[in-house]
Amino acid sequence: MESQRRTVRMAEKLVESKMAGRDASHDAAHAFRVRDLALSLARRRVELAALLHDIGDYKYSKDFVEDTTVVDNFLMEENVEESKRHKILDIIKGMGFKNEVLNRSCRASSPEFGVVQDADRLDAIGAIGIARCFTYGGSTNKILYDPEIPPRQNLSKEKYMNKDEKQTTINHFYEKLFKLKDLMKTEAGRKRAEKRHRFMESFIEEFHKEWDGRA
């Protein structure tokens, strides 16, 4: 038990080190929130996967490619048993929305996967999700809103990941955030997502009213 807690403490330090300097949409605080959400959804062995899930995020890599090398090396250095290490890496590699952008299956590959993915997605919606969305949009110089640029339909994984295509921050709600409620894998995740989803709907409704001068 003590060795497990030591590994968690070292993972926290790794997260703080590797995610330092990122914008607030995908920083260490996000990782810690996802960890806490995952543990509150189900008391399973999900803490390390939740903490480490965004260290190799493709959006912050030099070549725009997801890289789990740092996480894999860390787990080996901490002598995490091989089966658990593979499970953690499998969770991290499969949990991104880009992997479900076309095939919107609500089946989880494992209970642990569902918990960690739901926790990450809960942090992407609601009040925190709205704040993160605009933070990331600002950090990448996205246009706030343009009615002449409609949300993209029937996105492929490649098109979703294309950082060069001109898009708006508001469109991200329609292309991803509003879809997350129906992609939750756990009952607890679905219940929490309902309230956060409604909050986003109210926000976007008010945004459009204010944009059009109707409020």
N, C-alpha and C. Protein backbone atom coordinates (compact mmCIF):
# COMPACT_ATOMS: atom_id res chain seq x y z
N MET A 1 0.83 -1.21 0.00
CA MET A 1 0.00 0.00 0.00
C MET A 1 0.87 1.27 0.00
N GLU A 2 1.93 1.25 0.82
CA GLU A 2 2.80 2.43 0.90
C GLU A 2 3.51 2.66 -0.44
N SER A 3 3.91 1.59 -1.12
CA SER A 3 4.56 1.74 -2.42
C SER A 3 3.60 2.33 -3.44
N GLN A 4 2.32 1.96 -3.35
CA GLN A 4 1.32 2.51 -4.26
C GLN A 4 1.14 4.01 -4.02
N ARG A 5 1.09 4.40 -2.75
CA ARG A 5 0.94 5.82 -2.44
C ARG A 5 2.17 6.60 -2.89
N ARG A 6 3.35 6.00 -2.74
CA ARG A 6 4.56 6.66 -3.21
C ARG A 6 4.50 6.88 -4.71
N THR A 7 4.05 5.88 -5.45
CA THR A 7 3.93 6.00 -6.91
C THR A 7 2.96 7.11 -7.28
N VAL A 8 1.86 7.21 -6.54
CA VAL A 8 0.89 8.28 -6.81
C VAL A 8 1.52 9.64 -6.55
N ARG A 9 2.26 9.76 -5.46
CA ARG A 9 2.92 11.04 -5.17
C ARG A 9 3.93 11.40 -6.26
N MET A 10 4.66 10.41 -6.72
CA MET A 10 5.62 10.66 -7.80
C MET A 10 4.90 11.01 -9.09
N ALA A 11 3.74 10.39 -9.33
CA ALA A 11 2.94 10.71 -10.51
C ALA A 11 2.45 12.15 -10.45
N GLU A 12 2.05 12.59 -9.28
CA GLU A 12 1.61 13.99 -9.11
C GLU A 12 2.74 14.95 -9.45
N LYS A 13 3.94 14.61 -9.00
CA LYS A 13 5.10 15.46 -9.29
C LYS A 13 5.41 15.45 -10.79
N LEU A 14 5.27 14.30 -11.43
CA LEU A 14 5.51 14.21 -12.88
C LEU A 14 4.51 15.06 -13.63
N VAL A 15 3.25 14.98 -13.23
CA VAL A 15 2.20 15.79 -13.86
C VAL A 15 2.52 17.27 -13.73
N GLU A 16 2.87 17.70 -12.53
CA GLU A 16 3.19 19.11 -12.32
C GLU A 16 4.38 19.56 -13.15
N SER A 17 5.35 18.66 -13.31
CA SER A 17 6.55 18.99 -14.08
C SER A 17 6.28 19.04 -15.58
N LYS A 18 5.65 17.99 -16.11
CA LYS A 18 5.47 17.87 -17.56
C LYS A 18 4.36 18.77 -18.09
N MET A 19 3.41 19.15 -17.25
CA MET A 19 2.29 19.96 -17.73
C MET A 19 2.42 21.42 -17.33
N ALA A 20 3.56 21.76 -16.73
CA ALA A 20 3.81 23.16 -16.37
C ALA A 20 3.93 24.01 -17.62
N GLY A 21 3.38 25.19 -17.58
CA GLY A 21 3.49 26.10 -18.72
C GLY A 21 2.39 25.95 -19.74
N ARG A 22 1.55 24.92 -19.61
CA ARG A 22 0.42 24.78 -20.53
C ARG A 22 -0.67 25.79 -20.18
N ASP A 23 -1.55 26.05 -21.16
CA ASP A 23 -2.70 26.88 -20.84
C ASP A 23 -3.61 26.12 -19.88
N ALA A 24 -4.50 26.85 -19.23
CA ALA A 24 -5.29 26.28 -18.14
C ALA A 24 -6.35 25.27 -18.58
N SER A 25 -6.47 25.02 -19.87
CA SER A 25 -7.46 24.04 -20.31
C SER A 25 -6.97 22.61 -20.15
N HIS A 26 -5.65 22.41 -20.17
CA HIS A 26 -5.08 21.06 -20.06
C HIS A 26 -3.83 21.09 -19.18
N ASP A 27 -3.95 21.72 -18.03
CA ASP A 27 -2.81 21.84 -17.13
C ASP A 27 -2.89 20.79 -16.01
N ALA A 28 -2.00 20.91 -15.04
CA ALA A 28 -1.98 19.94 -13.95
C ALA A 28 -3.28 19.96 -13.15
N ALA A 29 -3.87 21.14 -13.00
CA ALA A 29 -5.13 21.23 -12.25
C ALA A 29 -6.21 20.39 -12.91
N HIS A 30 -6.22 20.36 -14.25
CA HIS A 30 -7.18 19.51 -14.97
C HIS A 30 -6.94 18.04 -14.63
N ALA A 31 -5.69 17.62 -14.62
CA ALA A 31 -5.36 16.22 -14.30
C ALA A 31 -5.80 15.86 -12.89
N PHE A 32 -5.59 16.78 -11.96
CA PHE A 32 -5.98 16.51 -10.57
C PHE A 32 -7.50 16.46 -10.43
N ARG A 33 -8.22 17.32 -11.16
CA ARG A 33 -9.69 17.27 -11.13
C ARG A 33 -10.20 15.96 -11.70
N VAL A 34 -9.60 15.51 -12.81
CA VAL A 34 -10.02 14.25 -13.42
C VAL A 34 -9.76 13.09 -12.47
N ARG A 35 -8.62 13.11 -11.78
CA ARG A 35 -8.32 12.08 -10.80
C ARG A 35 -9.39 12.05 -9.71
N ASP A 36 -9.72 13.23 -9.17
CA ASP A 36 -10.71 13.30 -8.09
C ASP A 36 -12.09 12.87 -8.57
N LEU A 37 -12.45 13.26 -9.79
CA LEU A 37 -13.73 12.84 -10.36
C LEU A 37 -13.77 11.33 -10.55
N ALA A 38 -12.68 10.78 -11.07
CA ALA A 38 -12.63 9.33 -11.31
C ALA A 38 -12.79 8.56 -10.00
N LEU A 39 -12.12 9.02 -8.96
CA LEU A 39 -12.22 8.34 -7.67
C LEU A 39 -13.61 8.48 -7.07
N SER A 40 -14.28 9.59 -7.36
CA SER A 40 -15.64 9.78 -6.83
C SER A 40 -16.67 8.99 -7.61
N LEU A 41 -16.40 8.70 -8.89
CA LEU A 41 -17.33 7.91 -9.69
C LEU A 41 -17.32 6.44 -9.29
N ALA A 42 -16.13 5.93 -8.98
CA ALA A 42 -16.01 4.52 -8.59
C ALA A 42 -14.67 4.31 -7.91
N ARG A 43 -14.68 3.65 -6.78
CA ARG A 43 -13.43 3.39 -6.05
C ARG A 43 -12.68 2.23 -6.68
N ARG A 44 -12.13 2.44 -7.86
CA ARG A 44 -11.37 1.41 -8.54
C ARG A 44 -9.93 1.89 -8.68
N ARG A 45 -9.10 1.03 -9.24
CA ARG A 45 -7.70 1.39 -9.41
C ARG A 45 -7.54 2.24 -10.66
N VAL A 46 -7.99 3.47 -10.55
CA VAL A 46 -7.99 4.35 -11.72
C VAL A 46 -7.12 5.59 -11.52
N GLU A 47 -6.54 5.73 -10.33
CA GLU A 47 -5.89 6.98 -9.99
C GLU A 47 -4.73 7.33 -10.91
N LEU A 48 -3.85 6.37 -11.18
CA LEU A 48 -2.69 6.66 -12.01
C LEU A 48 -3.09 7.00 -13.45
N ALA A 49 -4.03 6.24 -14.01
CA ALA A 49 -4.47 6.52 -15.38
C ALA A 49 -5.10 7.91 -15.46
N ALA A 50 -5.89 8.27 -14.46
CA ALA A 50 -6.54 9.59 -14.46
C ALA A 50 -5.51 10.71 -14.33
N LEU A 51 -4.53 10.52 -13.46
CA LEU A 51 -3.49 11.54 -13.26
C LEU A 51 -2.64 11.75 -14.52
N LEU A 52 -2.28 10.66 -15.17
CA LEU A 52 -1.27 10.71 -16.24
C LEU A 52 -1.86 10.83 -17.64
N HIS A 53 -3.18 10.88 -17.76
CA HIS A 53 -3.82 10.71 -19.07
C HIS A 53 -3.47 11.77 -20.11
N ASP A 54 -3.11 12.97 -19.69
CA ASP A 54 -2.89 14.06 -20.65
C ASP A 54 -1.43 14.45 -20.83
N ILE A 55 -0.51 13.74 -20.21
CA ILE A 55 0.91 14.13 -20.33
C ILE A 55 1.37 14.09 -21.79
N GLY A 56 0.93 13.07 -22.53
CA GLY A 56 1.34 12.95 -23.94
C GLY A 56 0.31 13.44 -24.92
N ASP A 57 -0.58 14.32 -24.49
CA ASP A 57 -1.65 14.84 -25.34
C ASP A 57 -1.09 15.41 -26.65
N TYR A 58 -1.65 14.93 -27.77
CA TYR A 58 -1.15 15.34 -29.09
C TYR A 58 -1.23 16.84 -29.31
N LYS A 59 -2.17 17.50 -28.65
CA LYS A 59 -2.35 18.95 -28.87
C LYS A 59 -1.15 19.75 -28.36
N TYR A 60 -0.34 19.14 -27.51
CA TYR A 60 0.80 19.86 -26.92
C TYR A 60 2.14 19.26 -27.32
N SER A 61 2.14 18.34 -28.27
CA SER A 61 3.39 17.74 -28.72
C SER A 61 3.94 18.51 -29.91
N LYS A 62 5.25 18.40 -30.09
CA LYS A 62 5.90 19.12 -31.18
C LYS A 62 5.37 18.70 -32.54
N ASP A 63 5.15 17.41 -32.73
CA ASP A 63 4.72 16.89 -34.02
C ASP A 63 3.22 16.65 -34.09
N PHE A 64 2.49 17.11 -33.07
CA PHE A 64 1.04 16.95 -33.03
C PHE A 64 0.65 15.46 -33.07
N VAL A 65 1.44 14.65 -32.36
CA VAL A 65 1.21 13.20 -32.30
C VAL A 65 1.18 12.79 -30.83
N GLU A 66 0.20 11.95 -30.48
CA GLU A 66 0.11 11.48 -29.11
C GLU A 66 1.30 10.60 -28.76
N ASP A 67 1.87 10.82 -27.57
CA ASP A 67 3.09 10.11 -27.18
C ASP A 67 2.99 9.69 -25.71
N THR A 68 2.96 8.40 -25.46
CA THR A 68 2.87 7.89 -24.10
C THR A 68 4.23 7.43 -23.56
N THR A 69 5.31 7.81 -24.23
CA THR A 69 6.64 7.36 -23.82
C THR A 69 6.97 7.78 -22.40
N VAL A 70 6.71 9.04 -22.05
CA VAL A 70 7.02 9.54 -20.71
C VAL A 70 6.26 8.74 -19.66
N VAL A 71 5.00 8.49 -19.91
CA VAL A 71 4.18 7.74 -18.95
C VAL A 71 4.69 6.30 -18.82
N ASP A 72 4.97 5.67 -19.94
CA ASP A 72 5.45 4.29 -19.93
C ASP A 72 6.76 4.19 -19.15
N ASN A 73 7.68 5.09 -19.42
CA ASN A 73 8.97 5.09 -18.71
C ASN A 73 8.78 5.30 -17.21
N PHE A 74 7.88 6.21 -16.86
CA PHE A 74 7.61 6.47 -15.44
C PHE A 74 7.08 5.23 -14.75
N LEU A 75 6.12 4.55 -15.37
CA LEU A 75 5.52 3.36 -14.75
C LEU A 75 6.56 2.25 -14.58
N MET A 76 7.47 2.12 -15.54
CA MET A 76 8.52 1.11 -15.41
C MET A 76 9.50 1.48 -14.31
N GLU A 77 9.84 2.76 -14.23
CA GLU A 77 10.76 3.21 -13.19
C GLU A 77 10.16 3.02 -11.81
N GLU A 78 8.83 3.11 -11.72
CA GLU A 78 8.15 2.93 -10.44
C GLU A 78 7.83 1.46 -10.16
N ASN A 79 8.30 0.59 -11.04
CA ASN A 79 8.11 -0.86 -10.88
C ASN A 79 6.63 -1.26 -10.81
N VAL A 80 5.80 -0.54 -11.57
CA VAL A 80 4.39 -0.92 -11.67
C VAL A 80 4.32 -2.22 -12.45
N GLU A 81 3.59 -3.20 -11.93
CA GLU A 81 3.55 -4.51 -12.58
C GLU A 81 3.07 -4.39 -14.02
N GLU A 82 3.58 -5.28 -14.86
CA GLU A 82 3.37 -5.16 -16.30
C GLU A 82 1.91 -5.14 -16.71
N SER A 83 1.09 -6.00 -16.11
CA SER A 83 -0.32 -6.04 -16.50
C SER A 83 -1.03 -4.74 -16.17
N LYS A 84 -0.71 -4.16 -15.03
CA LYS A 84 -1.32 -2.88 -14.64
C LYS A 84 -0.80 -1.76 -15.53
N ARG A 85 0.49 -1.82 -15.85
CA ARG A 85 1.07 -0.80 -16.73
C ARG A 85 0.39 -0.81 -18.10
N HIS A 86 0.17 -1.98 -18.65
CA HIS A 86 -0.49 -2.07 -19.96
C HIS A 86 -1.93 -1.57 -19.89
N LYS A 87 -2.60 -1.87 -18.78
CA LYS A 87 -3.99 -1.42 -18.63
C LYS A 87 -4.05 0.11 -18.57
N ILE A 88 -3.12 0.72 -17.84
CA ILE A 88 -3.07 2.18 -17.74
C ILE A 88 -2.82 2.80 -19.11
N LEU A 89 -1.87 2.24 -19.85
CA LEU A 89 -1.55 2.78 -21.18
C LEU A 89 -2.70 2.58 -22.15
N ASP A 90 -3.39 1.45 -22.06
CA ASP A 90 -4.54 1.21 -22.93
C ASP A 90 -5.65 2.22 -22.65
N ILE A 91 -5.87 2.53 -21.39
CA ILE A 91 -6.89 3.54 -21.03
C ILE A 91 -6.52 4.89 -21.63
N ILE A 92 -5.27 5.29 -21.44
CA ILE A 92 -4.82 6.60 -21.91
C ILE A 92 -4.91 6.71 -23.42
N LYS A 93 -4.51 5.67 -24.12
CA LYS A 93 -4.49 5.70 -25.59
C LYS A 93 -5.89 5.71 -26.19
N GLY A 94 -6.86 5.17 -25.48
CA GLY A 94 -8.18 5.03 -26.08
C GLY A 94 -9.23 6.03 -25.66
N MET A 95 -8.93 6.91 -24.69
CA MET A 95 -10.00 7.69 -24.09
C MET A 95 -10.34 8.99 -24.81
N GLY A 96 -9.54 9.44 -25.76
CA GLY A 96 -9.79 10.71 -26.42
C GLY A 96 -11.03 10.70 -27.30
N PHE A 97 -11.71 11.85 -27.39
CA PHE A 97 -12.91 11.98 -28.22
C PHE A 97 -12.61 11.67 -29.68
N LYS A 98 -11.38 11.94 -30.10
CA LYS A 98 -11.00 11.68 -31.49
C LYS A 98 -11.21 10.23 -31.89
N ASN A 99 -11.17 9.33 -30.89
CA ASN A 99 -11.34 7.91 -31.17
C ASN A 99 -12.80 7.51 -31.33
N GLU A 100 -13.72 8.40 -30.97
CA GLU A 100 -15.14 8.10 -31.08
C GLU A 100 -15.87 9.10 -31.97
N VAL A 101 -15.12 9.97 -32.62
CA VAL A 101 -15.75 11.05 -33.37
C VAL A 101 -16.67 10.53 -34.46
N LEU A 102 -16.38 9.37 -35.03
CA LEU A 102 -17.25 8.77 -36.04
C LEU A 102 -18.06 7.60 -35.46
N ASN A 103 -17.38 6.68 -34.82
CA ASN A 103 -18.04 5.50 -34.27
C ASN A 103 -18.45 5.78 -32.84
N ARG A 104 -19.61 6.35 -32.65
CA ARG A 104 -20.02 6.80 -31.32
C ARG A 104 -20.59 5.65 -30.50
N SER A 105 -19.73 4.75 -30.13
CA SER A 105 -20.12 3.61 -29.31
C SER A 105 -20.04 4.00 -27.84
N CYS A 106 -21.00 3.52 -27.07
CA CYS A 106 -21.00 3.81 -25.64
C CYS A 106 -20.50 2.62 -24.82
N ARG A 107 -19.77 1.72 -25.45
CA ARG A 107 -19.25 0.56 -24.75
C ARG A 107 -17.83 0.83 -24.27
N ALA A 108 -17.57 0.47 -23.02
CA ALA A 108 -16.24 0.66 -22.44
C ALA A 108 -15.45 -0.63 -22.56
N SER A 109 -14.17 -0.53 -22.86
CA SER A 109 -13.32 -1.71 -22.97
C SER A 109 -13.09 -2.37 -21.62
N SER A 110 -13.23 -1.59 -20.54
CA SER A 110 -13.11 -2.12 -19.19
C SER A 110 -13.81 -1.14 -18.24
N PRO A 111 -14.21 -1.59 -17.04
CA PRO A 111 -14.82 -0.66 -16.09
C PRO A 111 -13.91 0.51 -15.76
N GLU A 112 -12.61 0.24 -15.63
CA GLU A 112 -11.66 1.31 -15.31
C GLU A 112 -11.61 2.35 -16.43
N PHE A 113 -11.62 1.86 -17.68
CA PHE A 113 -11.61 2.77 -18.83
C PHE A 113 -12.82 3.70 -18.78
N GLY A 114 -14.00 3.14 -18.53
CA GLY A 114 -15.21 3.95 -18.49
C GLY A 114 -15.15 5.02 -17.42
N VAL A 115 -14.62 4.69 -16.27
CA VAL A 115 -14.54 5.64 -15.16
C VAL A 115 -13.61 6.80 -15.51
N VAL A 116 -12.41 6.48 -16.00
CA VAL A 116 -11.43 7.53 -16.30
C VAL A 116 -11.93 8.41 -17.46
N GLN A 117 -12.48 7.79 -18.49
CA GLN A 117 -12.96 8.56 -19.62
C GLN A 117 -14.12 9.47 -19.21
N ASP A 118 -15.06 8.95 -18.42
CA ASP A 118 -16.18 9.77 -17.96
C ASP A 118 -15.68 10.94 -17.12
N ALA A 119 -14.71 10.70 -16.26
CA ALA A 119 -14.17 11.77 -15.42
C ALA A 119 -13.55 12.87 -16.29
N ASP A 120 -12.80 12.47 -17.30
CA ASP A 120 -12.18 13.45 -18.20
C ASP A 120 -13.25 14.24 -18.94
N ARG A 121 -14.31 13.57 -19.36
CA ARG A 121 -15.36 14.24 -20.12
C ARG A 121 -16.24 15.12 -19.24
N LEU A 122 -16.42 14.73 -18.00
CA LEU A 122 -17.16 15.61 -17.08
C LEU A 122 -16.42 16.93 -16.90
N ASP A 123 -15.09 16.87 -16.87
CA ASP A 123 -14.31 18.10 -16.71
C ASP A 123 -14.32 18.94 -17.99
N ALA A 124 -14.82 18.36 -19.08
CA ALA A 124 -14.88 19.09 -20.36
C ALA A 124 -16.22 19.78 -20.56
N ILE A 125 -17.19 19.53 -19.67
CA ILE A 125 -18.51 20.14 -19.83
C ILE A 125 -18.89 20.89 -18.56
N GLY A 126 -20.02 21.57 -18.59
CA GLY A 126 -20.43 22.37 -17.45
C GLY A 126 -19.64 23.67 -17.36
N ALA A 127 -19.66 24.28 -16.18
CA ALA A 127 -18.98 25.57 -15.99
C ALA A 127 -17.48 25.47 -16.23
N ILE A 128 -16.85 24.44 -15.66
CA ILE A 128 -15.42 24.24 -15.88
C ILE A 128 -15.15 23.99 -17.36
N GLY A 129 -15.98 23.19 -17.99
CA GLY A 129 -15.80 22.90 -19.42
C GLY A 129 -15.87 24.15 -20.28
N ILE A 130 -16.82 25.02 -19.98
CA ILE A 130 -16.94 26.28 -20.72
C ILE A 130 -15.67 27.11 -20.55
N ALA A 131 -15.20 27.23 -19.32
CA ALA A 131 -13.97 27.99 -19.06
C ALA A 131 -12.78 27.39 -19.79
N ARG A 132 -12.67 26.07 -19.77
CA ARG A 132 -11.56 25.41 -20.45
C ARG A 132 -11.65 25.60 -21.97
N CYS A 133 -12.86 25.52 -22.50
CA CYS A 133 -13.05 25.66 -23.94
C CYS A 133 -12.56 27.02 -24.43
N PHE A 134 -12.94 28.07 -23.73
CA PHE A 134 -12.52 29.40 -24.16
C PHE A 134 -11.05 29.66 -23.88
N THR A 135 -10.52 29.04 -22.83
CA THR A 135 -9.09 29.16 -22.56
C THR A 135 -8.28 28.55 -23.69
N TYR A 136 -8.66 27.33 -24.10
CA TYR A 136 -7.93 26.67 -25.18
C TYR A 136 -8.13 27.41 -26.50
N GLY A 137 -9.34 27.85 -26.76
CA GLY A 137 -9.58 28.61 -27.99
C GLY A 137 -8.72 29.85 -28.06
N GLY A 138 -8.60 30.55 -26.93
CA GLY A 138 -7.75 31.74 -26.90
C GLY A 138 -6.28 31.41 -27.07
N SER A 139 -5.84 30.29 -26.48
CA SER A 139 -4.43 29.92 -26.56
C SER A 139 -4.02 29.53 -27.98
N THR A 140 -5.00 29.10 -28.79
CA THR A 140 -4.71 28.70 -30.17
C THR A 140 -5.20 29.74 -31.18
N ASN A 141 -5.57 30.91 -30.67
CA ASN A 141 -5.99 32.04 -31.51
C ASN A 141 -7.20 31.71 -32.39
N LYS A 142 -8.11 30.90 -31.86
CA LYS A 142 -9.33 30.62 -32.59
C LYS A 142 -10.26 31.83 -32.56
N ILE A 143 -11.05 31.98 -33.62
CA ILE A 143 -12.07 33.01 -33.65
C ILE A 143 -13.11 32.66 -32.60
N LEU A 144 -13.63 33.65 -31.90
CA LEU A 144 -14.65 33.40 -30.89
C LEU A 144 -15.91 32.82 -31.53
N TYR A 145 -16.42 33.51 -32.53
CA TYR A 145 -17.65 33.06 -33.20
C TYR A 145 -17.77 33.77 -34.55
N ASP A 146 -18.24 33.06 -35.53
CA ASP A 146 -18.52 33.62 -36.84
C ASP A 146 -19.70 32.85 -37.43
N PRO A 147 -20.85 33.49 -37.57
CA PRO A 147 -22.01 32.78 -38.11
C PRO A 147 -21.81 32.26 -39.53
N GLU A 148 -20.79 32.76 -40.22
CA GLU A 148 -20.50 32.29 -41.57
C GLU A 148 -19.68 31.00 -41.58
N ILE A 149 -19.21 30.58 -40.39
CA ILE A 149 -18.45 29.33 -40.29
C ILE A 149 -19.29 28.35 -39.48
N PRO A 150 -20.04 27.48 -40.13
CA PRO A 150 -20.93 26.56 -39.40
C PRO A 150 -20.14 25.41 -38.78
N PRO A 151 -20.69 24.78 -37.73
CA PRO A 151 -20.06 23.60 -37.16
C PRO A 151 -19.92 22.51 -38.21
N ARG A 152 -18.83 21.77 -38.16
CA ARG A 152 -18.59 20.70 -39.13
C ARG A 152 -19.44 19.47 -38.80
N GLN A 153 -19.93 18.82 -39.85
CA GLN A 153 -20.78 17.64 -39.70
C GLN A 153 -20.00 16.39 -40.14
N ASN A 154 -20.36 15.25 -39.57
CA ASN A 154 -19.76 13.96 -39.96
C ASN A 154 -18.23 14.01 -39.98
N LEU A 155 -17.67 14.49 -38.87
CA LEU A 155 -16.23 14.65 -38.78
C LEU A 155 -15.51 13.30 -38.78
N SER A 156 -14.41 13.22 -39.50
CA SER A 156 -13.51 12.08 -39.39
C SER A 156 -12.49 12.40 -38.29
N LYS A 157 -11.78 11.37 -37.86
CA LYS A 157 -10.74 11.57 -36.85
C LYS A 157 -9.69 12.55 -37.35
N GLU A 158 -9.29 12.40 -38.61
CA GLU A 158 -8.25 13.27 -39.18
C GLU A 158 -8.73 14.71 -39.26
N LYS A 159 -9.97 14.89 -39.67
CA LYS A 159 -10.51 16.24 -39.81
C LYS A 159 -10.68 16.90 -38.44
N TYR A 160 -11.10 16.11 -37.46
CA TYR A 160 -11.25 16.63 -36.11
C TYR A 160 -9.91 17.10 -35.55
N MET A 161 -8.84 16.36 -35.85
CA MET A 161 -7.52 16.69 -35.33
C MET A 161 -6.79 17.75 -36.13
N ASN A 162 -7.34 18.16 -37.26
CA ASN A 162 -6.68 19.11 -38.14
C ASN A 162 -6.64 20.50 -37.50
N LYS A 163 -5.45 20.92 -37.08
CA LYS A 163 -5.33 22.20 -36.40
C LYS A 163 -5.25 23.38 -37.36
N ASP A 164 -5.11 23.10 -38.64
CA ASP A 164 -4.95 24.19 -39.61
C ASP A 164 -6.28 24.68 -40.17
N GLU A 165 -7.33 23.89 -39.99
CA GLU A 165 -8.62 24.28 -40.53
C GLU A 165 -9.24 25.40 -39.68
N LYS A 166 -9.74 26.42 -40.33
CA LYS A 166 -10.29 27.58 -39.63
C LYS A 166 -11.58 27.20 -38.92
N GLN A 167 -11.59 27.36 -37.60
CA GLN A 167 -12.77 27.02 -36.82
C GLN A 167 -12.97 28.04 -35.70
N THR A 168 -14.14 28.00 -35.07
CA THR A 168 -14.45 28.93 -33.99
C THR A 168 -14.58 28.18 -32.67
N THR A 169 -14.41 28.90 -31.58
CA THR A 169 -14.56 28.29 -30.27
C THR A 169 -15.99 27.84 -30.02
N ILE A 170 -16.96 28.62 -30.42
CA ILE A 170 -18.36 28.25 -30.22
C ILE A 170 -18.70 26.96 -30.96
N ASN A 171 -18.11 26.76 -32.13
CA ASN A 171 -18.40 25.53 -32.87
C ASN A 171 -17.98 24.28 -32.11
N HIS A 172 -16.99 24.42 -31.22
CA HIS A 172 -16.52 23.26 -30.47
C HIS A 172 -17.62 22.68 -29.59
N PHE A 173 -18.54 23.53 -29.16
CA PHE A 173 -19.66 23.03 -28.36
C PHE A 173 -20.50 22.05 -29.19
N TYR A 174 -20.75 22.41 -30.45
CA TYR A 174 -21.60 21.59 -31.31
C TYR A 174 -20.85 20.36 -31.84
N GLU A 175 -19.55 20.52 -32.09
CA GLU A 175 -18.78 19.43 -32.67
C GLU A 175 -18.36 18.39 -31.63
N LYS A 176 -18.27 18.80 -30.37
CA LYS A 176 -17.82 17.86 -29.34
C LYS A 176 -18.60 17.94 -28.04
N LEU A 177 -18.60 19.08 -27.38
CA LEU A 177 -19.05 19.16 -25.99
C LEU A 177 -20.50 18.75 -25.80
N PHE A 178 -21.39 19.14 -26.71
CA PHE A 178 -22.79 18.75 -26.58
C PHE A 178 -23.00 17.25 -26.81
N LYS A 179 -22.03 16.57 -27.37
CA LYS A 179 -22.16 15.14 -27.66
C LYS A 179 -21.69 14.26 -26.50
N LEU A 180 -20.95 14.83 -25.57
CA LEU A 180 -20.32 14.03 -24.52
C LEU A 180 -21.32 13.40 -23.56
N LYS A 181 -22.43 14.07 -23.30
CA LYS A 181 -23.43 13.53 -22.37
C LYS A 181 -23.87 12.13 -22.79
N ASP A 182 -24.08 11.93 -24.06
CA ASP A 182 -24.58 10.65 -24.55
C ASP A 182 -23.47 9.61 -24.75
N LEU A 183 -22.23 10.00 -24.49
CA LEU A 183 -21.11 9.07 -24.63
C LEU A 183 -20.55 8.61 -23.29
N MET A 184 -21.23 9.00 -22.20
CA MET A 184 -20.78 8.56 -20.88
C MET A 184 -20.91 7.05 -20.75
N LYS A 185 -19.96 6.42 -20.10
CA LYS A 185 -19.92 4.97 -19.99
C LYS A 185 -20.50 4.44 -18.67
N THR A 186 -20.53 5.27 -17.64
CA THR A 186 -20.99 4.82 -16.33
C THR A 186 -22.30 5.50 -15.96
N GLU A 187 -23.07 4.84 -15.11
CA GLU A 187 -24.33 5.42 -14.66
C GLU A 187 -24.09 6.71 -13.88
N ALA A 188 -23.08 6.69 -13.02
CA ALA A 188 -22.75 7.89 -12.24
C ALA A 188 -22.33 9.04 -13.16
N GLY A 189 -21.56 8.72 -14.20
CA GLY A 189 -21.15 9.74 -15.16
C GLY A 189 -22.33 10.33 -15.90
N ARG A 190 -23.26 9.48 -16.30
CA ARG A 190 -24.44 9.97 -17.02
C ARG A 190 -25.28 10.90 -16.16
N LYS A 191 -25.43 10.57 -14.90
CA LYS A 191 -26.22 11.42 -14.00
C LYS A 191 -25.58 12.78 -13.82
N ARG A 192 -24.28 12.81 -13.62
CA ARG A 192 -23.60 14.10 -13.43
C ARG A 192 -23.59 14.92 -14.72
N ALA A 193 -23.50 14.23 -15.84
CA ALA A 193 -23.40 14.94 -17.11
C ALA A 193 -24.67 15.70 -17.45
N GLU A 194 -25.82 15.21 -17.00
CA GLU A 194 -27.09 15.85 -17.32
C GLU A 194 -27.11 17.31 -16.89
N LYS A 195 -26.74 17.58 -15.66
CA LYS A 195 -26.76 18.94 -15.13
C LYS A 195 -25.75 19.83 -15.85
N ARG A 196 -24.56 19.30 -16.07
CA ARG A 196 -23.53 20.10 -16.74
C ARG A 196 -23.92 20.39 -18.18
N HIS A 197 -24.57 19.43 -18.83
CA HIS A 197 -25.02 19.62 -20.21
C HIS A 197 -26.06 20.72 -20.27
N ARG A 198 -27.02 20.70 -19.37
CA ARG A 198 -28.06 21.74 -19.37
C ARG A 198 -27.46 23.12 -19.14
N PHE A 199 -26.45 23.20 -18.29
CA PHE A 199 -25.80 24.48 -18.03
C PHE A 199 -25.16 25.02 -19.31
N MET A 200 -24.52 24.14 -20.07
CA MET A 200 -23.91 24.58 -21.33
C MET A 200 -24.97 25.04 -22.33
N GLU A 201 -26.08 24.32 -22.39
CA GLU A 201 -27.14 24.71 -23.31
C GLU A 201 -27.67 26.10 -22.98
N SER A 202 -27.85 26.37 -21.69
CA SER A 202 -28.32 27.70 -21.27
C SER A 202 -27.30 28.77 -21.63
N PHE A 203 -26.03 28.45 -21.43
CA PHE A 203 -24.98 29.41 -21.75
C PHE A 203 -24.96 29.75 -23.24
N ILE A 204 -25.00 28.73 -24.09
CA ILE A 204 -24.94 28.96 -25.53
C ILE A 204 -26.19 29.69 -26.02
N GLU A 205 -27.34 29.37 -25.44
CA GLU A 205 -28.56 30.10 -25.80
C GLU A 205 -28.42 31.59 -25.48
N GLU A 206 -27.89 31.88 -24.30
CA GLU A 206 -27.69 33.28 -23.91
C GLU A 206 -26.62 33.94 -24.78
N PHE A 207 -25.56 33.20 -25.11
CA PHE A 207 -24.50 33.74 -25.97
C PHE A 207 -25.08 34.22 -27.29
N HIS A 208 -25.89 33.39 -27.94
CA HIS A 208 -26.45 33.75 -29.24
C HIS A 208 -27.41 34.94 -29.12
N LYS A 209 -28.16 35.01 -28.04
CA LYS A 209 -29.05 36.16 -27.83
C LYS A 209 -28.25 37.45 -27.71
N GLU A 210 -27.19 37.40 -26.93
CA GLU A 210 -26.36 38.59 -26.76
C GLU A 210 -25.62 38.95 -28.04
N TRP A 211 -25.15 37.94 -28.76
CA TRP A 211 -24.44 38.19 -30.03
C TRP A 211 -25.36 38.90 -31.03
N ASP A 212 -26.61 38.48 -31.04
CA ASP A 212 -27.59 39.06 -31.99
C ASP A 212 -28.25 40.33 -31.46
N GLY A 213 -27.88 40.76 -30.25
CA GLY A 213 -28.45 41.96 -29.69
C GLY A 213 -29.87 41.77 -29.19
N ARG A 214 -30.21 40.51 -28.84
CA ARG A 214 -31.58 40.24 -28.37
C ARG A 214 -31.66 40.15 -26.83
N ALA A 215 -30.55 40.39 -26.17
CA ALA A 215 -30.56 40.30 -24.71
C ALA A 215 -29.70 41.41 -24.12
